[in-house]
Amino acid sequence: FGDYIDEVLAAARRDELTDAHARVIETAERELFTRAIQQAQG
């Protein structure tokens, strides 16, 4: 996950995105909810 954060921050430094925080949070939440619902078998 740290590598992913480094890439998002690098993109922000290059002015390719302005919402690094929102991107990381959304990605983490999506993964968390995906795995939780899978492990809970729906």
PDB file of all heavy atoms in Angstrom:
ATOM      1  N   PHE A   1       0.831  -1.201   0.000  1.00  0.00           N
ATOM      2  CA  PHE A   1       0.000   0.000   0.000  1.00  0.00           C
ATOM      3  C   PHE A   1       0.867   1.253   0.000  1.00  0.00           C
ATOM      4  O   PHE A   1       0.522   2.259  -0.617  1.00  0.00           O
ATOM      5  CB  PHE A   1      -0.950  -0.035   1.195  1.00  0.00           C
ATOM      6  CG  PHE A   1      -2.082   0.935   1.092  1.00  0.00           C
ATOM      7  CD1 PHE A   1      -3.002   0.839   0.064  1.00  0.00           C
ATOM      8  CD2 PHE A   1      -2.233   1.944   2.023  1.00  0.00           C
ATOM      9  CE1 PHE A   1      -4.059   1.733  -0.037  1.00  0.00           C
ATOM     10  CE2 PHE A   1      -3.283   2.839   1.927  1.00  0.00           C
ATOM     11  CZ  PHE A   1      -4.198   2.735   0.894  1.00  0.00           C
ATOM     12  N   GLY A   2       2.012   1.189   0.648  1.00  0.00           N
ATOM     13  CA  GLY A   2       2.933   2.323   0.661  1.00  0.00           C
ATOM     14  C   GLY A   2       3.413   2.692  -0.728  1.00  0.00           C
ATOM     15  O   GLY A   2       3.570   3.878  -1.043  1.00  0.00           O
ATOM     16  N   ASP A   3       3.637   1.683  -1.586  1.00  0.00           N
ATOM     17  CA  ASP A   3       4.041   1.955  -2.967  1.00  0.00           C
ATOM     18  C   ASP A   3       2.943   2.704  -3.707  1.00  0.00           C
ATOM     19  O   ASP A   3       3.204   3.628  -4.472  1.00  0.00           O
ATOM     20  CB  ASP A   3       4.349   0.654  -3.715  1.00  0.00           C
ATOM     21  CG  ASP A   3       5.605  -0.032  -3.202  1.00  0.00           C
ATOM     22  OD1 ASP A   3       6.401   0.618  -2.491  1.00  0.00           O
ATOM     23  OD2 ASP A   3       5.775  -1.225  -3.508  1.00  0.00           O
ATOM     24  N   TYR A   4       1.706   2.280  -3.473  1.00  0.00           N
ATOM     25  CA  TYR A   4       0.567   2.943  -4.102  1.00  0.00           C
ATOM     26  C   TYR A   4       0.494   4.409  -3.660  1.00  0.00           C
ATOM     27  O   TYR A   4       0.326   5.310  -4.480  1.00  0.00           O
ATOM     28  CB  TYR A   4      -0.731   2.204  -3.754  1.00  0.00           C
ATOM     29  CG  TYR A   4      -1.972   2.975  -4.115  1.00  0.00           C
ATOM     30  CD1 TYR A   4      -2.304   3.204  -5.442  1.00  0.00           C
ATOM     31  CD2 TYR A   4      -2.797   3.493  -3.133  1.00  0.00           C
ATOM     32  CE1 TYR A   4      -3.429   3.928  -5.780  1.00  0.00           C
ATOM     33  CE2 TYR A   4      -3.934   4.214  -3.465  1.00  0.00           C
ATOM     34  CZ  TYR A   4      -4.240   4.427  -4.786  1.00  0.00           C
ATOM     35  OH  TYR A   4      -5.354   5.147  -5.112  1.00  0.00           O
ATOM     36  N   ILE A   5       0.657   4.648  -2.360  1.00  0.00           N
ATOM     37  CA  ILE A   5       0.612   6.017  -1.839  1.00  0.00           C
ATOM     38  C   ILE A   5       1.734   6.849  -2.462  1.00  0.00           C
ATOM     39  O   ILE A   5       1.511   7.998  -2.851  1.00  0.00           O
ATOM     40  CB  ILE A   5       0.694   6.015  -0.296  1.00  0.00           C
ATOM     41  CG1 ILE A   5      -0.601   5.426   0.280  1.00  0.00           C
ATOM     42  CG2 ILE A   5       0.955   7.423   0.242  1.00  0.00           C
ATOM     43  CD1 ILE A   5      -0.576   5.193   1.764  1.00  0.00           C
ATOM     44  N   ASP A   6       2.930   6.263  -2.584  1.00  0.00           N
ATOM     45  CA  ASP A   6       4.036   6.978  -3.225  1.00  0.00           C
ATOM     46  C   ASP A   6       3.685   7.389  -4.655  1.00  0.00           C
ATOM     47  O   ASP A   6       3.992   8.499  -5.085  1.00  0.00           O
ATOM     48  CB  ASP A   6       5.305   6.118  -3.231  1.00  0.00           C
ATOM     49  CG  ASP A   6       5.927   5.970  -1.854  1.00  0.00           C
ATOM     50  OD1 ASP A   6       5.598   6.776  -0.951  1.00  0.00           O
ATOM     51  OD2 ASP A   6       6.744   5.044  -1.680  1.00  0.00           O
ATOM     52  N   GLU A   7       3.020   6.498  -5.391  1.00  0.00           N
ATOM     53  CA  GLU A   7       2.633   6.815  -6.768  1.00  0.00           C
ATOM     54  C   GLU A   7       1.598   7.937  -6.815  1.00  0.00           C
ATOM     55  O   GLU A   7       1.672   8.815  -7.673  1.00  0.00           O
ATOM     56  CB  GLU A   7       2.095   5.570  -7.470  1.00  0.00           C
ATOM     57  CG  GLU A   7       3.182   4.583  -7.814  1.00  0.00           C
ATOM     58  CD  GLU A   7       2.650   3.389  -8.581  1.00  0.00           C
ATOM     59  OE1 GLU A   7       1.547   3.478  -9.151  1.00  0.00           O
ATOM     60  OE2 GLU A   7       3.346   2.371  -8.609  1.00  0.00           O
ATOM     61  N   VAL A   8       0.631   7.889  -5.912  1.00  0.00           N
ATOM     62  CA  VAL A   8      -0.393   8.932  -5.880  1.00  0.00           C
ATOM     63  C   VAL A   8       0.255  10.274  -5.544  1.00  0.00           C
ATOM     64  O   VAL A   8      -0.035  11.288  -6.189  1.00  0.00           O
ATOM     65  CB  VAL A   8      -1.507   8.588  -4.863  1.00  0.00           C
ATOM     66  CG1 VAL A   8      -2.432   9.770  -4.640  1.00  0.00           C
ATOM     67  CG2 VAL A   8      -2.296   7.378  -5.331  1.00  0.00           C
ATOM     68  N   LEU A   9       1.147  10.294  -4.571  1.00  0.00           N
ATOM     69  CA  LEU A   9       1.817  11.540  -4.207  1.00  0.00           C
ATOM     70  C   LEU A   9       2.711  12.047  -5.335  1.00  0.00           C
ATOM     71  O   LEU A   9       2.794  13.257  -5.569  1.00  0.00           O
ATOM     72  CB  LEU A   9       2.629  11.345  -2.919  1.00  0.00           C
ATOM     73  CG  LEU A   9       1.788  11.158  -1.655  1.00  0.00           C
ATOM     74  CD1 LEU A   9       2.679  10.806  -0.472  1.00  0.00           C
ATOM     75  CD2 LEU A   9       0.945  12.391  -1.366  1.00  0.00           C
ATOM     76  N   ALA A  10       3.356  11.131  -6.040  1.00  0.00           N
ATOM     77  CA  ALA A  10       4.179  11.532  -7.189  1.00  0.00           C
ATOM     78  C   ALA A  10       3.309  12.176  -8.266  1.00  0.00           C
ATOM     79  O   ALA A  10       3.684  13.196  -8.858  1.00  0.00           O
ATOM     80  CB  ALA A  10       4.934  10.328  -7.748  1.00  0.00           C
ATOM     81  N   ALA A  11       2.144  11.606  -8.519  1.00  0.00           N
ATOM     82  CA  ALA A  11       1.214  12.190  -9.492  1.00  0.00           C
ATOM     83  C   ALA A  11       0.762  13.570  -9.032  1.00  0.00           C
ATOM     84  O   ALA A  11       0.635  14.493  -9.844  1.00  0.00           O
ATOM     85  CB  ALA A  11       0.019  11.258  -9.702  1.00  0.00           C
ATOM     86  N   ALA A  12       0.533  13.732  -7.740  1.00  0.00           N
ATOM     87  CA  ALA A  12       0.136  15.038  -7.203  1.00  0.00           C
ATOM     88  C   ALA A  12       1.266  16.057  -7.365  1.00  0.00           C
ATOM     89  O   ALA A  12       1.021  17.214  -7.738  1.00  0.00           O
ATOM     90  CB  ALA A  12      -0.263  14.908  -5.734  1.00  0.00           C
ATOM     91  N   ARG A  13       2.496  15.622  -7.109  1.00  0.00           N
ATOM     92  CA  ARG A  13       3.645  16.529  -7.282  1.00  0.00           C
ATOM     93  C   ARG A  13       3.785  16.983  -8.733  1.00  0.00           C
ATOM     94  O   ARG A  13       4.203  18.106  -9.002  1.00  0.00           O
ATOM     95  CB  ARG A  13       4.936  15.853  -6.826  1.00  0.00           C
ATOM     96  CG  ARG A  13       5.115  15.793  -5.333  1.00  0.00           C
ATOM     97  CD  ARG A  13       6.550  15.423  -4.940  1.00  0.00           C
ATOM     98  NE  ARG A  13       7.077  14.279  -5.647  1.00  0.00           N
ATOM     99  CZ  ARG A  13       6.971  13.005  -5.247  1.00  0.00           C
ATOM    100  NH1 ARG A  13       6.358  12.719  -4.123  1.00  0.00           N
ATOM    101  NH2 ARG A  13       7.498  12.031  -5.950  1.00  0.00           N
ATOM    102  N   ARG A  14       3.412  16.099  -9.677  1.00  0.00           N
ATOM    103  CA  ARG A  14       3.484  16.440 -11.097  1.00  0.00           C
ATOM    104  C   ARG A  14       2.229  17.203 -11.552  1.00  0.00           C
ATOM    105  O   ARG A  14       2.050  17.445 -12.732  1.00  0.00           O
ATOM    106  CB  ARG A  14       3.624  15.169 -11.941  1.00  0.00           C
ATOM    107  CG  ARG A  14       4.941  14.430 -11.759  1.00  0.00           C
ATOM    108  CD  ARG A  14       5.087  13.282 -12.744  1.00  0.00           C
ATOM    109  NE  ARG A  14       4.001  12.312 -12.685  1.00  0.00           N
ATOM    110  CZ  ARG A  14       3.993  11.203 -11.950  1.00  0.00           C
ATOM    111  NH1 ARG A  14       5.031  10.893 -11.196  1.00  0.00           N
ATOM    112  NH2 ARG A  14       2.949  10.388 -11.974  1.00  0.00           N
ATOM    113  N   ASP A  15       1.369  17.550 -10.601  1.00  0.00           N
ATOM    114  CA  ASP A  15       0.110  18.257 -10.883  1.00  0.00           C
ATOM    115  C   ASP A  15      -0.814  17.460 -11.793  1.00  0.00           C
ATOM    116  O   ASP A  15      -1.598  18.033 -12.545  1.00  0.00           O
ATOM    117  CB  ASP A  15       0.373  19.652 -11.477  1.00  0.00           C
ATOM    118  CG  ASP A  15       0.982  20.600 -10.468  1.00  0.00           C
ATOM    119  OD1 ASP A  15       0.658  20.476  -9.267  1.00  0.00           O
ATOM    120  OD2 ASP A  15       1.776  21.462 -10.875  1.00  0.00           O
ATOM    121  N   GLU A  16      -0.734  16.127 -11.722  1.00  0.00           N
ATOM    122  CA  GLU A  16      -1.616  15.276 -12.509  1.00  0.00           C
ATOM    123  C   GLU A  16      -2.912  14.993 -11.766  1.00  0.00           C
ATOM    124  O   GLU A  16      -3.881  14.542 -12.368  1.00  0.00           O
ATOM    125  CB  GLU A  16      -0.915  13.959 -12.866  1.00  0.00           C
ATOM    126  CG  GLU A  16       0.239  14.149 -13.822  1.00  0.00           C
ATOM    127  CD  GLU A  16       1.034  12.883 -14.050  1.00  0.00           C
ATOM    128  OE1 GLU A  16       0.657  11.817 -13.503  1.00  0.00           O
ATOM    129  OE2 GLU A  16       2.037  12.949 -14.763  1.00  0.00           O
ATOM    130  N   LEU A  17      -2.926  15.249 -10.464  1.00  0.00           N
ATOM    131  CA  LEU A  17      -4.149  15.125  -9.683  1.00  0.00           C
ATOM    132  C   LEU A  17      -4.069  16.049  -8.491  1.00  0.00           C
ATOM    133  O   LEU A  17      -2.992  16.415  -8.044  1.00  0.00           O
ATOM    134  CB  LEU A  17      -4.426  13.675  -9.259  1.00  0.00           C
ATOM    135  CG  LEU A  17      -3.445  12.964  -8.330  1.00  0.00           C
ATOM    136  CD1 LEU A  17      -3.938  13.079  -6.891  1.00  0.00           C
ATOM    137  CD2 LEU A  17      -3.396  11.504  -8.711  1.00  0.00           C
ATOM    138  N   THR A  18      -5.249  16.450  -8.023  1.00  0.00           N
ATOM    139  CA  THR A  18      -5.308  17.406  -6.915  1.00  0.00           C
ATOM    140  C   THR A  18      -6.032  16.839  -5.704  1.00  0.00           C
ATOM    141  O   THR A  18      -6.256  17.561  -4.743  1.00  0.00           O
ATOM    142  CB  THR A  18      -6.037  18.695  -7.360  1.00  0.00           C
ATOM    143  OG1 THR A  18      -7.354  18.344  -7.790  1.00  0.00           O
ATOM    144  CG2 THR A  18      -5.296  19.397  -8.478  1.00  0.00           C
ATOM    145  N   ASP A  19      -6.394  15.565  -5.770  1.00  0.00           N
ATOM    146  CA  ASP A  19      -7.175  14.973  -4.694  1.00  0.00           C
ATOM    147  C   ASP A  19      -6.520  13.700  -4.154  1.00  0.00           C
ATOM    148  O   ASP A  19      -7.172  12.674  -4.008  1.00  0.00           O
ATOM    149  CB  ASP A  19      -8.594  14.682  -5.175  1.00  0.00           C
ATOM    150  CG  ASP A  19      -8.627  13.732  -6.371  1.00  0.00           C
ATOM    151  OD1 ASP A  19      -7.566  13.476  -6.963  1.00  0.00           O
ATOM    152  OD2 ASP A  19      -9.718  13.234  -6.698  1.00  0.00           O
ATOM    153  N   ALA A  20      -5.233  13.782  -3.854  1.00  0.00           N
ATOM    154  CA  ALA A  20      -4.490  12.602  -3.402  1.00  0.00           C
ATOM    155  C   ALA A  20      -5.138  11.954  -2.182  1.00  0.00           C
ATOM    156  O   ALA A  20      -5.286  10.727  -2.127  1.00  0.00           O
ATOM    157  CB  ALA A  20      -3.030  12.966  -3.105  1.00  0.00           C
ATOM    158  N   HIS A  21      -5.533  12.750  -1.227  1.00  0.00           N
ATOM    159  CA  HIS A  21      -6.149  12.217  -0.011  1.00  0.00           C
ATOM    160  C   HIS A  21      -7.415  11.430  -0.348  1.00  0.00           C
ATOM    161  O   HIS A  21      -7.589  10.289   0.076  1.00  0.00           O
ATOM    162  CB  HIS A  21      -6.468  13.356   0.964  1.00  0.00           C
ATOM    163  CG  HIS A  21      -7.142  12.895   2.212  1.00  0.00           C
ATOM    164  ND1 HIS A  21      -8.511  12.961   2.371  1.00  0.00           N
ATOM    165  CD2 HIS A  21      -6.654  12.338   3.348  1.00  0.00           C
ATOM    166  CE1 HIS A  21      -8.831  12.472   3.559  1.00  0.00           C
ATOM    167  NE2 HIS A  21      -7.724  12.090   4.176  1.00  0.00           N
ATOM    168  N   ALA A  22      -8.290  12.025  -1.123  1.00  0.00           N
ATOM    169  CA  ALA A  22      -9.547  11.362  -1.491  1.00  0.00           C
ATOM    170  C   ALA A  22      -9.290  10.077  -2.275  1.00  0.00           C
ATOM    171  O   ALA A  22      -9.967   9.065  -2.058  1.00  0.00           O
ATOM    172  CB  ALA A  22     -10.419  12.310  -2.305  1.00  0.00           C
ATOM    173  N   ARG A  23      -8.315  10.086  -3.166  1.00  0.00           N
ATOM    174  CA  ARG A  23      -7.996   8.888  -3.958  1.00  0.00           C
ATOM    175  C   ARG A  23      -7.543   7.750  -3.070  1.00  0.00           C
ATOM    176  O   ARG A  23      -7.983   6.609  -3.221  1.00  0.00           O
ATOM    177  CB  ARG A  23      -6.900   9.182  -4.983  1.00  0.00           C
ATOM    178  CG  ARG A  23      -7.262  10.166  -6.036  1.00  0.00           C
ATOM    179  CD  ARG A  23      -7.936   9.482  -7.210  1.00  0.00           C
ATOM    180  NE  ARG A  23      -8.251  10.469  -8.209  1.00  0.00           N
ATOM    181  CZ  ARG A  23      -7.773  10.462  -9.441  1.00  0.00           C
ATOM    182  NH1 ARG A  23      -6.953   9.516  -9.816  1.00  0.00           N
ATOM    183  NH2 ARG A  23      -8.124  11.404 -10.279  1.00  0.00           N
ATOM    184  N   VAL A  24      -6.629   8.046  -2.149  1.00  0.00           N
ATOM    185  CA  VAL A  24      -6.105   6.997  -1.272  1.00  0.00           C
ATOM    186  C   VAL A  24      -7.201   6.463  -0.360  1.00  0.00           C
ATOM    187  O   VAL A  24      -7.351   5.244  -0.199  1.00  0.00           O
ATOM    188  CB  VAL A  24      -4.898   7.521  -0.450  1.00  0.00           C
ATOM    189  CG1 VAL A  24      -4.501   6.530   0.632  1.00  0.00           C
ATOM    190  CG2 VAL A  24      -3.716   7.799  -1.378  1.00  0.00           C
ATOM    191  N   ILE A  25      -7.982   7.350   0.221  1.00  0.00           N
ATOM    192  CA  ILE A  25      -9.066   6.922   1.113  1.00  0.00           C
ATOM    193  C   ILE A  25     -10.081   6.079   0.356  1.00  0.00           C
ATOM    194  O   ILE A  25     -10.516   5.026   0.833  1.00  0.00           O
ATOM    195  CB  ILE A  25      -9.738   8.145   1.787  1.00  0.00           C
ATOM    196  CG1 ILE A  25      -8.749   8.881   2.683  1.00  0.00           C
ATOM    197  CG2 ILE A  25     -10.984   7.727   2.561  1.00  0.00           C
ATOM    198  CD1 ILE A  25      -8.113   8.045   3.776  1.00  0.00           C
ATOM    199  N   GLU A  26     -10.467   6.511  -0.842  1.00  0.00           N
ATOM    200  CA  GLU A  26     -11.443   5.751  -1.618  1.00  0.00           C
ATOM    201  C   GLU A  26     -10.904   4.365  -1.988  1.00  0.00           C
ATOM    202  O   GLU A  26     -11.622   3.368  -1.892  1.00  0.00           O
ATOM    203  CB  GLU A  26     -11.844   6.494  -2.890  1.00  0.00           C
ATOM    204  CG  GLU A  26     -12.895   5.733  -3.675  1.00  0.00           C
ATOM    205  CD  GLU A  26     -13.341   6.442  -4.939  1.00  0.00           C
ATOM    206  OE1 GLU A  26     -13.031   7.630  -5.128  1.00  0.00           O
ATOM    207  OE2 GLU A  26     -14.003   5.781  -5.743  1.00  0.00           O
ATOM    208  N   THR A  27      -9.653   4.297  -2.372  1.00  0.00           N
ATOM    209  CA  THR A  27      -9.053   3.008  -2.724  1.00  0.00           C
ATOM    210  C   THR A  27      -9.012   2.082  -1.518  1.00  0.00           C
ATOM    211  O   THR A  27      -9.360   0.902  -1.621  1.00  0.00           O
ATOM    212  CB  THR A  27      -7.632   3.216  -3.284  1.00  0.00           C
ATOM    213  OG1 THR A  27      -7.721   4.042  -4.453  1.00  0.00           O
ATOM    214  CG2 THR A  27      -6.989   1.891  -3.652  1.00  0.00           C
ATOM    215  N   ALA A  28      -8.601   2.633  -0.371  1.00  0.00           N
ATOM    216  CA  ALA A  28      -8.540   1.814   0.849  1.00  0.00           C
ATOM    217  C   ALA A  28      -9.934   1.346   1.259  1.00  0.00           C
ATOM    218  O   ALA A  28     -10.130   0.172   1.595  1.00  0.00           O
ATOM    219  CB  ALA A  28      -7.894   2.608   1.981  1.00  0.00           C
ATOM    220  N   GLU A  29     -10.906   2.251   1.213  1.00  0.00           N
ATOM    221  CA  GLU A  29     -12.275   1.878   1.570  1.00  0.00           C
ATOM    222  C   GLU A  29     -12.831   0.821   0.626  1.00  0.00           C
ATOM    223  O   GLU A  29     -13.458  -0.136   1.050  1.00  0.00           O
ATOM    224  CB  GLU A  29     -13.199   3.102   1.547  1.00  0.00           C
ATOM    225  CG  GLU A  29     -13.210   3.881   2.815  1.00  0.00           C
ATOM    226  CD  GLU A  29     -14.363   4.884   2.837  1.00  0.00           C
ATOM    227  OE1 GLU A  29     -14.770   5.406   1.776  1.00  0.00           O
ATOM    228  OE2 GLU A  29     -14.861   5.131   3.939  1.00  0.00           O
ATOM    229  N   ARG A  30     -12.604   1.007  -0.671  1.00  0.00           N
ATOM    230  CA  ARG A  30     -13.115   0.047  -1.651  1.00  0.00           C
ATOM    231  C   ARG A  30     -12.550  -1.349  -1.371  1.00  0.00           C
ATOM    232  O   ARG A  30     -13.274  -2.339  -1.372  1.00  0.00           O
ATOM    233  CB  ARG A  30     -12.766   0.479  -3.071  1.00  0.00           C
ATOM    234  CG  ARG A  30     -13.257  -0.521  -4.122  1.00  0.00           C
ATOM    235  CD  ARG A  30     -12.929  -0.114  -5.538  1.00  0.00           C
ATOM    236  NE  ARG A  30     -13.761   1.006  -5.926  1.00  0.00           N
ATOM    237  CZ  ARG A  30     -13.294   2.220  -6.239  1.00  0.00           C
ATOM    238  NH1 ARG A  30     -12.009   2.454  -6.208  1.00  0.00           N
ATOM    239  NH2 ARG A  30     -14.110   3.178  -6.587  1.00  0.00           N
ATOM    240  N   GLU A  31     -11.265  -1.408  -1.101  1.00  0.00           N
ATOM    241  CA  GLU A  31     -10.633  -2.705  -0.819  1.00  0.00           C
ATOM    242  C   GLU A  31     -11.180  -3.300   0.481  1.00  0.00           C
ATOM    243  O   GLU A  31     -11.478  -4.497   0.559  1.00  0.00           O
ATOM    244  CB  GLU A  31      -9.113  -2.540  -0.743  1.00  0.00           C
ATOM    245  CG  GLU A  31      -8.366  -3.843  -0.634  1.00  0.00           C
ATOM    246  CD  GLU A  31      -8.464  -4.705  -1.883  1.00  0.00           C
ATOM    247  OE1 GLU A  31      -8.757  -4.196  -2.975  1.00  0.00           O
ATOM    248  OE2 GLU A  31      -8.247  -5.930  -1.754  1.00  0.00           O
ATOM    249  N   LEU A  32     -11.313  -2.476   1.504  1.00  0.00           N
ATOM    250  CA  LEU A  32     -11.830  -2.932   2.794  1.00  0.00           C
ATOM    251  C   LEU A  32     -13.247  -3.484   2.658  1.00  0.00           C
ATOM    252  O   LEU A  32     -13.544  -4.588   3.134  1.00  0.00           O
ATOM    253  CB  LEU A  32     -11.805  -1.783   3.811  1.00  0.00           C
ATOM    254  CG  LEU A  32     -12.370  -2.081   5.199  1.00  0.00           C
ATOM    255  CD1 LEU A  32     -11.542  -3.149   5.898  1.00  0.00           C
ATOM    256  CD2 LEU A  32     -12.409  -0.798   6.017  1.00  0.00           C
ATOM    257  N   PHE A  33     -14.113  -2.749   1.998  1.00  0.00           N
ATOM    258  CA  PHE A  33     -15.499  -3.183   1.853  1.00  0.00           C
ATOM    259  C   PHE A  33     -15.610  -4.399   0.934  1.00  0.00           C
ATOM    260  O   PHE A  33     -16.423  -5.290   1.184  1.00  0.00           O
ATOM    261  CB  PHE A  33     -16.386  -2.031   1.370  1.00  0.00           C
ATOM    262  CG  PHE A  33     -16.741  -1.085   2.476  1.00  0.00           C
ATOM    263  CD1 PHE A  33     -15.890  -0.039   2.817  1.00  0.00           C
ATOM    264  CD2 PHE A  33     -17.909  -1.247   3.201  1.00  0.00           C
ATOM    265  CE1 PHE A  33     -16.197   0.823   3.855  1.00  0.00           C
ATOM    266  CE2 PHE A  33     -18.227  -0.381   4.244  1.00  0.00           C
ATOM    267  CZ  PHE A  33     -17.370   0.648   4.574  1.00  0.00           C
ATOM    268  N   THR A  34     -14.801  -4.440  -0.101  1.00  0.00           N
ATOM    269  CA  THR A  34     -14.805  -5.601  -1.003  1.00  0.00           C
ATOM    270  C   THR A  34     -14.437  -6.865  -0.247  1.00  0.00           C
ATOM    271  O   THR A  34     -15.124  -7.891  -0.333  1.00  0.00           O
ATOM    272  CB  THR A  34     -13.809  -5.387  -2.161  1.00  0.00           C
ATOM    273  OG1 THR A  34     -14.226  -4.256  -2.920  1.00  0.00           O
ATOM    274  CG2 THR A  34     -13.736  -6.601  -3.076  1.00  0.00           C
ATOM    275  N   ARG A  35     -13.365  -6.794   0.506  1.00  0.00           N
ATOM    276  CA  ARG A  35     -12.908  -7.984   1.232  1.00  0.00           C
ATOM    277  C   ARG A  35     -13.857  -8.362   2.365  1.00  0.00           C
ATOM    278  O   ARG A  35     -14.106  -9.542   2.609  1.00  0.00           O
ATOM    279  CB  ARG A  35     -11.494  -7.766   1.758  1.00  0.00           C
ATOM    280  CG  ARG A  35     -10.484  -7.783   0.618  1.00  0.00           C
ATOM    281  CD  ARG A  35      -9.091  -7.477   1.101  1.00  0.00           C
ATOM    282  NE  ARG A  35      -8.170  -7.452  -0.003  1.00  0.00           N
ATOM    283  CZ  ARG A  35      -7.197  -8.322  -0.165  1.00  0.00           C
ATOM    284  NH1 ARG A  35      -6.995  -9.280   0.704  1.00  0.00           N
ATOM    285  NH2 ARG A  35      -6.393  -8.229  -1.196  1.00  0.00           N
ATOM    286  N   ALA A  36     -14.397  -7.361   3.050  1.00  0.00           N
ATOM    287  CA  ALA A  36     -15.325  -7.659   4.158  1.00  0.00           C
ATOM    288  C   ALA A  36     -16.567  -8.373   3.648  1.00  0.00           C
ATOM    289  O   ALA A  36     -16.983  -9.385   4.221  1.00  0.00           O
ATOM    290  CB  ALA A  36     -15.706  -6.374   4.894  1.00  0.00           C
ATOM    291  N   ILE A  37     -17.151  -7.890   2.549  1.00  0.00           N
ATOM    292  CA  ILE A  37     -18.378  -8.513   2.055  1.00  0.00           C
ATOM    293  C   ILE A  37     -18.079  -9.894   1.459  1.00  0.00           C
ATOM    294  O   ILE A  37     -18.891 -10.814   1.575  1.00  0.00           O
ATOM    295  CB  ILE A  37     -19.129  -7.589   1.059  1.00  0.00           C
ATOM    296  CG1 ILE A  37     -20.600  -8.014   0.937  1.00  0.00           C
ATOM    297  CG2 ILE A  37     -18.464  -7.556  -0.289  1.00  0.00           C
ATOM    298  CD1 ILE A  37     -21.421  -7.812   2.173  1.00  0.00           C
ATOM    299  N   GLN A  38     -16.908 -10.053   0.876  1.00  0.00           N
ATOM    300  CA  GLN A  38     -16.524 -11.378   0.368  1.00  0.00           C
ATOM    301  C   GLN A  38     -16.349 -12.365   1.520  1.00  0.00           C
ATOM    302  O   GLN A  38     -16.862 -13.478   1.471  1.00  0.00           O
ATOM    303  CB  GLN A  38     -15.222 -11.295  -0.438  1.00  0.00           C
ATOM    304  CG  GLN A  38     -15.387 -10.669  -1.796  1.00  0.00           C
ATOM    305  CD  GLN A  38     -14.057 -10.442  -2.489  1.00  0.00           C
ATOM    306  OE1 GLN A  38     -12.991 -10.496  -1.891  1.00  0.00           O
ATOM    307  NE2 GLN A  38     -14.114 -10.153  -3.787  1.00  0.00           N
ATOM    308  N   GLN A  39     -15.628 -11.946   2.553  1.00  0.00           N
ATOM    309  CA  GLN A  39     -15.375 -12.842   3.681  1.00  0.00           C
ATOM    310  C   GLN A  39     -16.639 -13.128   4.482  1.00  0.00           C
ATOM    311  O   GLN A  39     -16.764 -14.188   5.091  1.00  0.00           O
ATOM    312  CB  GLN A  39     -14.275 -12.266   4.578  1.00  0.00           C
ATOM    313  CG  GLN A  39     -12.919 -12.305   3.901  1.00  0.00           C
ATOM    314  CD  GLN A  39     -11.805 -11.732   4.744  1.00  0.00           C
ATOM    315  OE1 GLN A  39     -11.911 -11.667   5.967  1.00  0.00           O
ATOM    316  NE2 GLN A  39     -10.728 -11.298   4.103  1.00  0.00           N
ATOM    317  N   ALA A  40     -17.590 -12.195   4.450  1.00  0.00           N
ATOM    318  CA  ALA A  40     -18.869 -12.411   5.119  1.00  0.00           C
ATOM    319  C   ALA A  40     -19.846 -13.159   4.209  1.00  0.00           C
ATOM    320  O   ALA A  40     -21.007 -13.328   4.562  1.00  0.00           O
ATOM    321  CB  ALA A  40     -19.473 -11.080   5.556  1.00  0.00           C
ATOM    322  N   GLN A  41     -19.363 -13.578   3.056  1.00  0.00           N
ATOM    323  CA  GLN A  41     -20.155 -14.328   2.067  1.00  0.00           C
ATOM    324  C   GLN A  41     -21.444 -13.605   1.711  1.00  0.00           C
ATOM    325  O   GLN A  41     -22.513 -14.193   1.618  1.00  0.00           O
ATOM    326  CB  GLN A  41     -20.426 -15.741   2.560  1.00  0.00           C
ATOM    327  CG  GLN A  41     -19.151 -16.529   2.772  1.00  0.00           C
ATOM    328  CD  GLN A  41     -19.382 -17.886   3.384  1.00  0.00           C
ATOM    329  OE1 GLN A  41     -20.326 -18.093   4.134  1.00  0.00           O
ATOM    330  NE2 GLN A  41     -18.503 -18.819   3.065  1.00  0.00           N
ATOM    331  N   GLY A  42     -21.331 -12.280   1.535  1.00  0.00           N
ATOM    332  CA  GLY A  42     -22.464 -11.473   1.127  1.00  0.00           C
ATOM    333  C   GLY A  42     -23.371 -11.008   2.254  1.00  0.00           C
ATOM    334  O   GLY A  42     -24.317 -10.263   2.022  1.00  0.00           O
TER     335      GLY A  42
END
